[in-house]
PDB file of all heavy atoms in Angstrom:
ATOM      1  N   PHE A   1     -26.806 -25.534  18.303  1.00  0.00           N
ATOM      2  CA  PHE A   1     -27.843 -24.965  19.165  1.00  0.00           C
ATOM      3  C   PHE A   1     -29.222 -25.441  18.699  1.00  0.00           C
ATOM      4  O   PHE A   1     -29.431 -25.681  17.506  1.00  0.00           O
ATOM      5  CB  PHE A   1     -27.812 -23.445  19.114  1.00  0.00           C
ATOM      6  CG  PHE A   1     -26.608 -22.804  19.750  1.00  0.00           C
ATOM      7  CD1 PHE A   1     -25.501 -23.548  20.154  1.00  0.00           C
ATOM      8  CD2 PHE A   1     -26.580 -21.424  19.940  1.00  0.00           C
ATOM      9  CE1 PHE A   1     -24.401 -22.949  20.726  1.00  0.00           C
ATOM     10  CE2 PHE A   1     -25.486 -20.814  20.522  1.00  0.00           C
ATOM     11  CZ  PHE A   1     -24.391 -21.576  20.917  1.00  0.00           C
ATOM     12  N   ALA A   2     -30.160 -25.497  19.647  1.00  0.00           N
ATOM     13  CA  ALA A   2     -31.526 -25.887  19.304  1.00  0.00           C
ATOM     14  C   ALA A   2     -32.520 -25.079  20.120  1.00  0.00           C
ATOM     15  O   ALA A   2     -32.398 -25.007  21.350  1.00  0.00           O
ATOM     16  CB  ALA A   2     -31.735 -27.372  19.544  1.00  0.00           C
ATOM     17  N   ILE A   3     -33.484 -24.498  19.433  1.00  0.00           N
ATOM     18  CA  ILE A   3     -34.528 -23.736  20.101  1.00  0.00           C
ATOM     19  C   ILE A   3     -35.739 -24.640  20.312  1.00  0.00           C
ATOM     20  O   ILE A   3     -36.021 -25.518  19.494  1.00  0.00           O
ATOM     21  CB  ILE A   3     -34.918 -22.485  19.272  1.00  0.00           C
ATOM     22  CG1 ILE A   3     -35.790 -21.536  20.076  1.00  0.00           C
ATOM     23  CG2 ILE A   3     -35.601 -22.884  17.956  1.00  0.00           C
ATOM     24  CD1 ILE A   3     -36.002 -20.184  19.405  1.00  0.00           C
ATOM     25  N   SER A   4     -36.421 -24.441  21.435  1.00  0.00           N
ATOM     26  CA  SER A   4     -37.645 -25.184  21.699  1.00  0.00           C
ATOM     27  C   SER A   4     -38.532 -24.333  22.599  1.00  0.00           C
ATOM     28  O   SER A   4     -38.097 -23.294  23.113  1.00  0.00           O
ATOM     29  CB  SER A   4     -37.341 -26.530  22.358  1.00  0.00           C
ATOM     30  OG  SER A   4     -36.714 -26.350  23.615  1.00  0.00           O
ATOM     31  N   ARG A   5     -39.750 -24.777  22.773  1.00  0.00           N
ATOM     32  CA  ARG A   5     -40.675 -24.017  23.597  1.00  0.00           C
ATOM     33  C   ARG A   5     -41.625 -24.955  24.323  1.00  0.00           C
ATOM     34  O   ARG A   5     -41.947 -26.038  23.830  1.00  0.00           O
ATOM     35  CB  ARG A   5     -41.452 -23.013  22.736  1.00  0.00           C
ATOM     36  CG  ARG A   5     -42.172 -23.629  21.568  1.00  0.00           C
ATOM     37  CD  ARG A   5     -42.634 -22.586  20.570  1.00  0.00           C
ATOM     38  NE  ARG A   5     -43.323 -23.216  19.449  1.00  0.00           N
ATOM     39  CZ  ARG A   5     -43.747 -22.560  18.387  1.00  0.00           C
ATOM     40  NH1 ARG A   5     -43.553 -21.255  18.280  1.00  0.00           N
ATOM     41  NH2 ARG A   5     -44.364 -23.203  17.413  1.00  0.00           N
ATOM     42  N   ASP A   6     -42.037 -24.526  25.496  1.00  0.00           N
ATOM     43  CA  ASP A   6     -43.023 -25.242  26.290  1.00  0.00           C
ATOM     44  C   ASP A   6     -44.236 -24.343  26.405  1.00  0.00           C
ATOM     45  O   ASP A   6     -44.217 -23.347  27.133  1.00  0.00           O
ATOM     46  CB  ASP A   6     -42.446 -25.580  27.671  1.00  0.00           C
ATOM     47  CG  ASP A   6     -43.377 -26.466  28.491  1.00  0.00           C
ATOM     48  OD1 ASP A   6     -44.610 -26.292  28.380  1.00  0.00           O
ATOM     49  OD2 ASP A   6     -42.878 -27.300  29.254  1.00  0.00           O
ATOM     50  N   ASN A   7     -45.278 -24.680  25.661  1.00  0.00           N
ATOM     51  CA  ASN A   7     -46.457 -23.827  25.612  1.00  0.00           C
ATOM     52  C   ASN A   7     -47.128 -23.716  26.966  1.00  0.00           C
ATOM     53  O   ASN A   7     -47.589 -22.637  27.371  1.00  0.00           O
ATOM     54  CB  ASN A   7     -47.439 -24.373  24.580  1.00  0.00           C
ATOM     55  CG  ASN A   7     -46.789 -24.620  23.243  1.00  0.00           C
ATOM     56  OD1 ASN A   7     -45.839 -23.928  22.887  1.00  0.00           O
ATOM     57  ND2 ASN A   7     -47.269 -25.618  22.516  1.00  0.00           N
ATOM     58  N   ALA A   8     -47.189 -24.808  27.690  1.00  0.00           N
ATOM     59  CA  ALA A   8     -47.878 -24.809  28.984  1.00  0.00           C
ATOM     60  C   ALA A   8     -47.167 -23.924  30.007  1.00  0.00           C
ATOM     61  O   ALA A   8     -47.809 -23.337  30.878  1.00  0.00           O
ATOM     62  CB  ALA A   8     -47.991 -26.230  29.509  1.00  0.00           C
ATOM     63  N   LYS A   9     -45.838 -23.823  29.867  1.00  0.00           N
ATOM     64  CA  LYS A   9     -45.061 -23.022  30.809  1.00  0.00           C
ATOM     65  C   LYS A   9     -44.755 -21.631  30.268  1.00  0.00           C
ATOM     66  O   LYS A   9     -44.084 -20.842  30.956  1.00  0.00           O
ATOM     67  CB  LYS A   9     -43.749 -23.740  31.145  1.00  0.00           C
ATOM     68  CG  LYS A   9     -43.941 -25.049  31.889  1.00  0.00           C
ATOM     69  CD  LYS A   9     -42.598 -25.685  32.219  1.00  0.00           C
ATOM     70  CE  LYS A   9     -42.780 -26.978  32.997  1.00  0.00           C
ATOM     71  NZ  LYS A   9     -41.479 -27.620  33.328  1.00  0.00           N
ATOM     72  N   ASN A  10     -45.208 -21.345  29.049  1.00  0.00           N
ATOM     73  CA  ASN A  10     -44.904 -20.052  28.424  1.00  0.00           C
ATOM     74  C   ASN A  10     -43.400 -19.758  28.484  1.00  0.00           C
ATOM     75  O   ASN A  10     -42.962 -18.670  28.880  1.00  0.00           O
ATOM     76  CB  ASN A  10     -45.681 -18.912  29.092  1.00  0.00           C
ATOM     77  CG  ASN A  10     -47.156 -18.984  28.798  1.00  0.00           C
ATOM     78  OD1 ASN A  10     -47.567 -19.496  27.749  1.00  0.00           O
ATOM     79  ND2 ASN A  10     -47.962 -18.498  29.713  1.00  0.00           N
ATOM     80  N   THR A  11     -42.631 -20.754  28.098  1.00  0.00           N
ATOM     81  CA  THR A  11     -41.180 -20.652  28.208  1.00  0.00           C
ATOM     82  C   THR A  11     -40.509 -21.063  26.902  1.00  0.00           C
ATOM     83  O   THR A  11     -40.905 -22.056  26.279  1.00  0.00           O
ATOM     84  CB  THR A  11     -40.657 -21.525  29.361  1.00  0.00           C
ATOM     85  OG1 THR A  11     -41.271 -21.104  30.578  1.00  0.00           O
ATOM     86  CG2 THR A  11     -39.150 -21.393  29.498  1.00  0.00           C
ATOM     87  N   LEU A  12     -39.524 -20.276  26.535  1.00  0.00           N
ATOM     88  CA  LEU A  12     -38.691 -20.544  25.362  1.00  0.00           C
ATOM     89  C   LEU A  12     -37.331 -21.031  25.859  1.00  0.00           C
ATOM     90  O   LEU A  12     -36.828 -20.521  26.865  1.00  0.00           O
ATOM     91  CB  LEU A  12     -38.522 -19.272  24.546  1.00  0.00           C
ATOM     92  CG  LEU A  12     -37.818 -19.369  23.206  1.00  0.00           C
ATOM     93  CD1 LEU A  12     -38.725 -20.057  22.178  1.00  0.00           C
ATOM     94  CD2 LEU A  12     -37.429 -17.984  22.717  1.00  0.00           C
ATOM     95  N   TYR A  13     -36.751 -21.994  25.151  1.00  0.00           N
ATOM     96  CA  TYR A  13     -35.471 -22.552  25.556  1.00  0.00           C
ATOM     97  C   TYR A  13     -34.444 -22.433  24.434  1.00  0.00           C
ATOM     98  O   TYR A  13     -34.782 -22.351  23.258  1.00  0.00           O
ATOM     99  CB  TYR A  13     -35.619 -24.026  25.921  1.00  0.00           C
ATOM    100  CG  TYR A  13     -36.574 -24.303  27.049  1.00  0.00           C
ATOM    101  CD1 TYR A  13     -37.868 -24.742  26.791  1.00  0.00           C
ATOM    102  CD2 TYR A  13     -36.184 -24.119  28.372  1.00  0.00           C
ATOM    103  CE1 TYR A  13     -38.753 -24.990  27.820  1.00  0.00           C
ATOM    104  CE2 TYR A  13     -37.067 -24.367  29.418  1.00  0.00           C
ATOM    105  CZ  TYR A  13     -38.344 -24.806  29.131  1.00  0.00           C
ATOM    106  OH  TYR A  13     -39.214 -25.046  30.162  1.00  0.00           O
ATOM    107  N   LEU A  14     -33.188 -22.447  24.845  1.00  0.00           N
ATOM    108  CA  LEU A  14     -32.090 -22.545  23.889  1.00  0.00           C
ATOM    109  C   LEU A  14     -31.095 -23.555  24.441  1.00  0.00           C
ATOM    110  O   LEU A  14     -30.431 -23.286  25.441  1.00  0.00           O
ATOM    111  CB  LEU A  14     -31.409 -21.198  23.664  1.00  0.00           C
ATOM    112  CG  LEU A  14     -30.257 -21.227  22.650  1.00  0.00           C
ATOM    113  CD1 LEU A  14     -30.783 -21.557  21.248  1.00  0.00           C
ATOM    114  CD2 LEU A  14     -29.511 -19.882  22.628  1.00  0.00           C
ATOM    115  N   GLN A  15     -31.035 -24.709  23.798  1.00  0.00           N
ATOM    116  CA  GLN A  15     -30.046 -25.724  24.159  1.00  0.00           C
ATOM    117  C   GLN A  15     -28.779 -25.455  23.354  1.00  0.00           C
ATOM    118  O   GLN A  15     -28.827 -25.403  22.123  1.00  0.00           O
ATOM    119  CB  GLN A  15     -30.570 -27.119  23.852  1.00  0.00           C
ATOM    120  CG  GLN A  15     -29.582 -28.235  24.145  1.00  0.00           C
ATOM    121  CD  GLN A  15     -29.277 -28.367  25.622  1.00  0.00           C
ATOM    122  OE1 GLN A  15     -30.175 -28.308  26.452  1.00  0.00           O
ATOM    123  NE2 GLN A  15     -27.997 -28.557  25.964  1.00  0.00           N
ATOM    124  N   MET A  16     -27.676 -25.274  24.061  1.00  0.00           N
ATOM    125  CA  MET A  16     -26.412 -24.938  23.407  1.00  0.00           C
ATOM    126  C   MET A  16     -25.406 -26.047  23.691  1.00  0.00           C
ATOM    127  O   MET A  16     -25.075 -26.303  24.856  1.00  0.00           O
ATOM    128  CB  MET A  16     -25.889 -23.604  23.931  1.00  0.00           C
ATOM    129  CG  MET A  16     -26.871 -22.455  23.764  1.00  0.00           C
ATOM    130  SD  MET A  16     -26.195 -20.870  24.300  1.00  0.00           S
ATOM    131  CE  MET A  16     -26.063 -21.172  26.057  1.00  0.00           C
ATOM    132  N   ASN A  17     -24.943 -26.690  22.640  1.00  0.00           N
ATOM    133  CA  ASN A  17     -23.975 -27.768  22.743  1.00  0.00           C
ATOM    134  C   ASN A  17     -22.688 -27.390  22.020  1.00  0.00           C
ATOM    135  O   ASN A  17     -22.669 -26.472  21.197  1.00  0.00           O
ATOM    136  CB  ASN A  17     -24.549 -29.055  22.146  1.00  0.00           C
ATOM    137  CG  ASN A  17     -25.807 -29.518  22.841  1.00  0.00           C
ATOM    138  OD1 ASN A  17     -25.945 -29.393  24.067  1.00  0.00           O
ATOM    139  ND2 ASN A  17     -26.734 -30.059  22.074  1.00  0.00           N
ATOM    140  N   SER A  18     -21.622 -28.120  22.327  1.00  0.00           N
ATOM    141  CA  SER A  18     -20.324 -27.905  21.673  1.00  0.00           C
ATOM    142  C   SER A  18     -19.946 -26.429  21.695  1.00  0.00           C
ATOM    143  O   SER A  18     -19.554 -25.849  20.677  1.00  0.00           O
ATOM    144  CB  SER A  18     -20.366 -28.419  20.228  1.00  0.00           C
ATOM    145  OG  SER A  18     -20.708 -29.783  20.178  1.00  0.00           O
ATOM    146  N   LEU A  19     -20.061 -25.837  22.851  1.00  0.00           N
ATOM    147  CA  LEU A  19     -19.815 -24.400  22.970  1.00  0.00           C
ATOM    148  C   LEU A  19     -18.362 -24.048  22.686  1.00  0.00           C
ATOM    149  O   LEU A  19     -17.444 -24.804  23.019  1.00  0.00           O
ATOM    150  CB  LEU A  19     -20.228 -23.911  24.351  1.00  0.00           C
ATOM    151  CG  LEU A  19     -21.740 -23.755  24.529  1.00  0.00           C
ATOM    152  CD1 LEU A  19     -22.131 -23.757  25.990  1.00  0.00           C
ATOM    153  CD2 LEU A  19     -22.215 -22.483  23.849  1.00  0.00           C
ATOM    154  N   LYS A  20     -18.191 -22.888  22.070  1.00  0.00           N
ATOM    155  CA  LYS A  20     -16.883 -22.386  21.683  1.00  0.00           C
ATOM    156  C   LYS A  20     -16.624 -21.050  22.380  1.00  0.00           C
ATOM    157  O   LYS A  20     -17.582 -20.343  22.722  1.00  0.00           O
ATOM    158  CB  LYS A  20     -16.814 -22.191  20.176  1.00  0.00           C
ATOM    159  CG  LYS A  20     -17.158 -23.409  19.357  1.00  0.00           C
ATOM    160  CD  LYS A  20     -17.189 -23.077  17.868  1.00  0.00           C
ATOM    161  CE  LYS A  20     -17.561 -24.290  17.031  1.00  0.00           C
ATOM    162  NZ  LYS A  20     -17.603 -23.971  15.581  1.00  0.00           N
ATOM    163  N   PRO A  21     -15.373 -20.667  22.544  1.00  0.00           N
ATOM    164  CA  PRO A  21     -15.087 -19.354  23.148  1.00  0.00           C
ATOM    165  C   PRO A  21     -15.783 -18.205  22.417  1.00  0.00           C
ATOM    166  O   PRO A  21     -16.202 -17.227  23.049  1.00  0.00           O
ATOM    167  CB  PRO A  21     -13.566 -19.256  23.040  1.00  0.00           C
ATOM    168  CG  PRO A  21     -13.103 -20.672  23.107  1.00  0.00           C
ATOM    169  CD  PRO A  21     -14.145 -21.452  22.342  1.00  0.00           C
ATOM    170  N   GLU A  22     -15.929 -18.330  21.101  1.00  0.00           N
ATOM    171  CA  GLU A  22     -16.578 -17.263  20.341  1.00  0.00           C
ATOM    172  C   GLU A  22     -18.087 -17.184  20.580  1.00  0.00           C
ATOM    173  O   GLU A  22     -18.745 -16.265  20.081  1.00  0.00           O
ATOM    174  CB  GLU A  22     -16.297 -17.407  18.840  1.00  0.00           C
ATOM    175  CG  GLU A  22     -16.560 -18.780  18.268  1.00  0.00           C
ATOM    176  CD  GLU A  22     -15.307 -19.642  18.197  1.00  0.00           C
ATOM    177  OE1 GLU A  22     -14.519 -19.629  19.175  1.00  0.00           O
ATOM    178  OE2 GLU A  22     -15.142 -20.332  17.173  1.00  0.00           O
ATOM    179  N   ASP A  23     -18.638 -18.127  21.338  1.00  0.00           N
ATOM    180  CA  ASP A  23     -20.044 -18.038  21.731  1.00  0.00           C
ATOM    181  C   ASP A  23     -20.228 -17.150  22.961  1.00  0.00           C
ATOM    182  O   ASP A  23     -21.361 -16.878  23.363  1.00  0.00           O
ATOM    183  CB  ASP A  23     -20.598 -19.429  22.040  1.00  0.00           C
ATOM    184  CG  ASP A  23     -20.653 -20.326  20.827  1.00  0.00           C
ATOM    185  OD1 ASP A  23     -21.032 -19.843  19.738  1.00  0.00           O
ATOM    186  OD2 ASP A  23     -20.311 -21.525  20.959  1.00  0.00           O
ATOM    187  N   THR A  24     -19.136 -16.705  23.558  1.00  0.00           N
ATOM    188  CA  THR A  24     -19.215 -15.831  24.719  1.00  0.00           C
ATOM    189  C   THR A  24     -19.928 -14.535  24.367  1.00  0.00           C
ATOM    190  O   THR A  24     -19.558 -13.848  23.421  1.00  0.00           O
ATOM    191  CB  THR A  24     -17.801 -15.518  25.244  1.00  0.00           C
ATOM    192  OG1 THR A  24     -17.202 -16.729  25.726  1.00  0.00           O
ATOM    193  CG2 THR A  24     -17.853 -14.491  26.369  1.00  0.00           C
ATOM    194  N   ALA A  25     -20.967 -14.226  25.132  1.00  0.00           N
ATOM    195  CA  ALA A  25     -21.779 -13.042  24.861  1.00  0.00           C
ATOM    196  C   ALA A  25     -22.884 -12.953  25.911  1.00  0.00           C
ATOM    197  O   ALA A  25     -23.086 -13.884  26.694  1.00  0.00           O
ATOM    198  CB  ALA A  25     -22.402 -13.116  23.460  1.00  0.00           C
ATOM    199  N   VAL A  26     -23.590 -11.844  25.881  1.00  0.00           N
ATOM    200  CA  VAL A  26     -24.845 -11.737  26.614  1.00  0.00           C
ATOM    201  C   VAL A  26     -25.945 -12.207  25.669  1.00  0.00           C
ATOM    202  O   VAL A  26     -26.037 -11.724  24.528  1.00  0.00           O
ATOM    203  CB  VAL A  26     -25.120 -10.298  27.088  1.00  0.00           C
ATOM    204  CG1 VAL A  26     -26.467 -10.228  27.793  1.00  0.00           C
ATOM    205  CG2 VAL A  26     -23.999  -9.821  28.011  1.00  0.00           C
TER     206      VAL A  26
END
């Protein structure tokens, strides 16, 4: 996983790769 942010858009991101069943959640 990788967190990033766009200051101009006031937005936070979470890029999730190689997802596993145990990543299932809210």
